[in-house]
């Protein structure tokens, strides 16, 4: 496996991570410059997204999991590598993806085809209600309230906007199609 050089600027980070997302068929973000050579995949991609200074890249964890729920174990392994606030925020995004998938199961299955459920993780650690309550809505509401108290922003509106963006992007016939270079 080729070694990736450390990033030197936010622009480099954006280009590498958006290229990696695009190779998974996640196309709501685009690189400013084409990246040649290896880009992170799987666990390493989740780590780099969580460590990114760009909120849109951090939020891409949710969209990547909704598009490719089979990457859930890679996401969990990445979260295990994180510490402090980055770990907590990554756990929040993972749980948000679980809740949103449950809330939007029929629409996602219609648009993307039947996919496995994202494995549930971090619910008890975060003290959140089960996905069984109100088809994930109670989970997402409790998570959003927790984020609002901790960080001072309207997380419910953020997740709603993110889901609106995602659902609008699903009209792209190339959405979610992995390109050959993704492992």
Protein backbone atom coordinates (compact mmCIF):
# COMPACT_ATOMS: atom_id res chain seq x y z
CA UNK A 1 0.00 0.00 0.00
CA UNK A 2 1.36 3.41 -0.97
CA UNK A 3 2.14 5.89 1.78
CA UNK A 4 0.28 9.16 1.75
CA UNK A 5 2.23 12.30 2.54
CA UNK A 6 0.95 14.42 5.41
CA UNK A 7 -1.22 17.33 4.39
CA UNK A 8 0.29 20.78 4.50
CA UNK A 9 -2.70 23.08 3.93
CA UNK A 10 -6.46 23.09 4.36
CA UNK A 11 -6.75 23.22 0.54
CA UNK A 12 -4.67 20.04 0.25
CA UNK A 13 -6.82 18.38 2.90
CA UNK A 14 -10.02 19.38 1.10
CA UNK A 15 -8.79 18.10 -2.26
CA UNK A 16 -7.56 14.74 -0.91
CA UNK A 17 -10.65 14.03 1.16
CA UNK A 18 -13.18 15.17 -1.43
CA UNK A 19 -11.40 13.07 -4.05
CA UNK A 20 -11.61 10.08 -1.70
CA UNK A 21 -15.33 10.72 -1.13
CA UNK A 22 -15.93 11.10 -4.87
CA UNK A 23 -14.28 7.72 -5.43
CA UNK A 24 -16.96 6.25 -3.15
CA UNK A 25 -19.58 7.95 -5.30
CA UNK A 26 -20.26 10.60 -2.66
CA UNK A 27 -20.44 13.64 -4.85
CA UNK A 28 -21.90 16.50 -2.79
CA UNK A 29 -18.40 17.92 -2.36
CA UNK A 30 -15.78 18.41 -5.06
CA UNK A 31 -12.03 18.92 -5.02
CA UNK A 32 -10.59 22.24 -6.11
CA UNK A 33 -7.76 20.38 -7.84
CA UNK A 34 -7.52 16.83 -9.11
CA UNK A 35 -5.54 14.56 -6.81
CA UNK A 36 -3.38 11.91 -8.41
CA UNK A 37 -2.13 8.97 -6.47
CA UNK A 38 -3.43 7.30 -3.34
CA UNK A 39 -6.17 8.82 -1.22
CA UNK A 40 -7.45 7.47 2.09
CA UNK A 41 -10.11 4.78 2.04
CA UNK A 42 -12.09 2.90 4.67
CA UNK A 43 -10.94 3.42 8.25
CA UNK A 44 -8.27 5.96 7.31
CA UNK A 45 -10.82 8.06 5.39
CA UNK A 46 -13.12 8.16 8.42
CA UNK A 47 -10.21 9.22 10.67
CA UNK A 48 -9.20 12.00 8.29
CA UNK A 49 -12.80 13.21 7.90
CA UNK A 50 -13.22 13.36 11.68
CA UNK A 51 -9.93 15.23 12.08
CA UNK A 52 -10.68 17.71 9.30
CA UNK A 53 -11.06 21.40 10.10
CA UNK A 54 -13.86 21.66 7.49
CA UNK A 55 -17.30 20.99 8.99
CA UNK A 56 -18.64 19.84 5.59
CA UNK A 57 -16.00 17.11 5.56
CA UNK A 58 -16.79 16.10 9.13
CA UNK A 59 -20.49 15.90 8.19
CA UNK A 60 -19.59 13.74 5.19
CA UNK A 61 -19.19 10.88 7.69
CA UNK A 62 -23.00 10.79 7.88
CA UNK A 63 -23.50 10.82 4.12
CA UNK A 64 -20.76 8.24 3.50
CA UNK A 65 -22.39 5.87 6.01
CA UNK A 66 -25.86 6.41 4.55
CA UNK A 67 -24.51 5.71 1.07
CA UNK A 68 -22.27 2.78 2.09
CA UNK A 69 -23.54 1.29 5.37
CA UNK A 70 -21.15 -1.62 4.78
CA UNK A 71 -18.39 0.77 5.92
CA UNK A 72 -19.80 0.89 9.45
CA UNK A 73 -17.08 -1.30 10.97
CA UNK A 74 -14.38 0.85 9.34
CA UNK A 75 -16.06 3.91 10.87
CA UNK A 76 -16.13 2.26 14.30
CA UNK A 77 -12.45 1.33 14.04
CA UNK A 78 -11.66 4.93 13.09
CA UNK A 79 -13.63 6.27 16.05
CA UNK A 80 -11.64 3.94 18.32
CA UNK A 81 -8.47 5.71 17.12
CA UNK A 82 -9.77 9.19 17.93
CA UNK A 83 -9.57 11.01 21.24
CA UNK A 84 -11.32 13.82 23.04
CA UNK A 85 -13.78 16.05 21.25
CA UNK A 86 -12.99 14.55 17.83
CA UNK A 87 -14.03 11.13 19.11
CA UNK A 88 -17.23 12.45 20.67
CA UNK A 89 -18.22 14.36 17.53
CA UNK A 90 -17.44 11.33 15.35
CA UNK A 91 -19.63 9.18 17.61
CA UNK A 92 -22.40 11.78 17.26
CA UNK A 93 -22.16 11.64 13.48
CA UNK A 94 -22.18 7.84 13.49
CA UNK A 95 -25.31 7.75 15.67
CA UNK A 96 -26.92 10.46 13.51
CA UNK A 97 -26.33 8.27 10.45
CA UNK A 98 -27.99 5.32 12.22
CA UNK A 99 -31.00 7.44 13.18
CA UNK A 100 -31.36 9.10 9.77
CA UNK A 101 -31.11 5.74 8.02
CA UNK A 102 -33.92 4.40 10.20
CA UNK A 103 -36.05 7.53 9.71
CA UNK A 104 -35.58 7.51 5.95
CA UNK A 105 -35.37 3.72 5.38
CA UNK A 106 -38.06 3.51 2.69
CA UNK A 107 -36.79 6.48 0.67
CA UNK A 108 -33.16 5.34 0.89
CA UNK A 109 -34.10 1.79 -0.14
CA UNK A 110 -36.08 3.14 -3.08
CA UNK A 111 -33.30 5.44 -4.27
CA UNK A 112 -30.20 3.38 -3.43
CA UNK A 113 -31.56 -0.15 -3.33
CA UNK A 114 -31.85 -2.30 -0.26
CA UNK A 115 -28.77 -1.89 1.91
CA UNK A 116 -27.87 -3.29 5.30
CA UNK A 117 -28.69 -1.34 8.43
CA UNK A 118 -25.76 0.52 9.94
CA UNK A 119 -24.70 -1.46 13.01
CA UNK A 120 -25.82 0.28 16.17
CA UNK A 121 -22.99 1.57 18.33
CA UNK A 122 -22.41 4.28 20.97
CA UNK A 123 -26.07 4.58 22.03
CA UNK A 124 -25.54 3.44 25.62
CA UNK A 125 -22.19 5.25 25.88
CA UNK A 126 -23.92 8.49 24.87
CA UNK A 127 -27.06 7.77 26.91
CA UNK A 128 -29.37 7.99 23.89
CA UNK A 129 -32.74 6.30 23.34
CA UNK A 130 -33.07 3.25 21.14
CA UNK A 131 -33.67 3.52 17.42
CA UNK A 132 -36.86 1.57 18.07
CA UNK A 133 -38.44 4.65 19.63
CA UNK A 134 -40.28 6.57 16.92
CA UNK A 135 -38.21 5.03 14.09
CA UNK A 136 -34.99 6.83 15.13
CA UNK A 137 -36.53 10.28 15.51
CA UNK A 138 -36.28 10.21 19.32
CA UNK A 139 -32.62 9.24 19.02
CA UNK A 140 -31.84 12.07 16.63
CA UNK A 141 -33.77 14.60 18.70
CA UNK A 142 -31.95 13.60 21.92
CA UNK A 143 -28.61 13.70 20.09
CA UNK A 144 -29.40 17.10 18.59
CA UNK A 145 -30.39 18.50 21.98
CA UNK A 146 -27.15 17.19 23.48
CA UNK A 147 -25.09 18.79 20.70
CA UNK A 148 -26.95 22.09 21.05
CA UNK A 149 -26.24 22.20 24.79
CA UNK A 150 -22.58 21.28 24.31
CA UNK A 151 -21.71 23.33 21.24
CA UNK A 152 -24.38 26.04 20.99
CA UNK A 153 -25.73 25.34 17.50
CA UNK A 154 -29.05 23.99 16.26
CA UNK A 155 -27.97 20.43 15.48
CA UNK A 156 -31.50 19.34 14.50
CA UNK A 157 -31.53 21.99 11.75
CA UNK A 158 -28.04 20.91 10.70
CA UNK A 159 -29.01 17.25 10.35
CA UNK A 160 -32.24 18.21 8.59
CA UNK A 161 -30.33 20.35 6.09
CA UNK A 162 -27.75 17.64 5.57
CA UNK A 163 -30.48 15.10 4.89
CA UNK A 164 -32.25 17.50 2.48
CA UNK A 165 -28.98 17.91 0.58
CA UNK A 166 -28.39 14.16 0.53
CA UNK A 167 -31.89 13.32 -0.70
CA UNK A 168 -31.61 15.94 -3.46
CA UNK A 169 -28.27 14.46 -4.56
CA UNK A 170 -29.75 10.97 -4.88
CA UNK A 171 -31.23 12.00 -8.23
CA UNK A 172 -27.69 11.74 -9.64
CA UNK A 173 -27.50 8.29 -11.31
CA UNK A 174 -23.79 8.05 -10.42
CA UNK A 175 -24.39 8.63 -6.69
CA UNK A 176 -22.89 5.88 -4.58
CA UNK A 177 -21.11 4.14 -7.44
CA UNK A 178 -17.63 3.27 -6.32
CA UNK A 179 -14.81 3.94 -8.71
CA UNK A 180 -12.16 1.34 -9.38
CA UNK A 181 -9.44 2.84 -7.18
CA UNK A 182 -11.39 2.50 -3.91
CA UNK A 183 -10.41 -0.52 -1.85
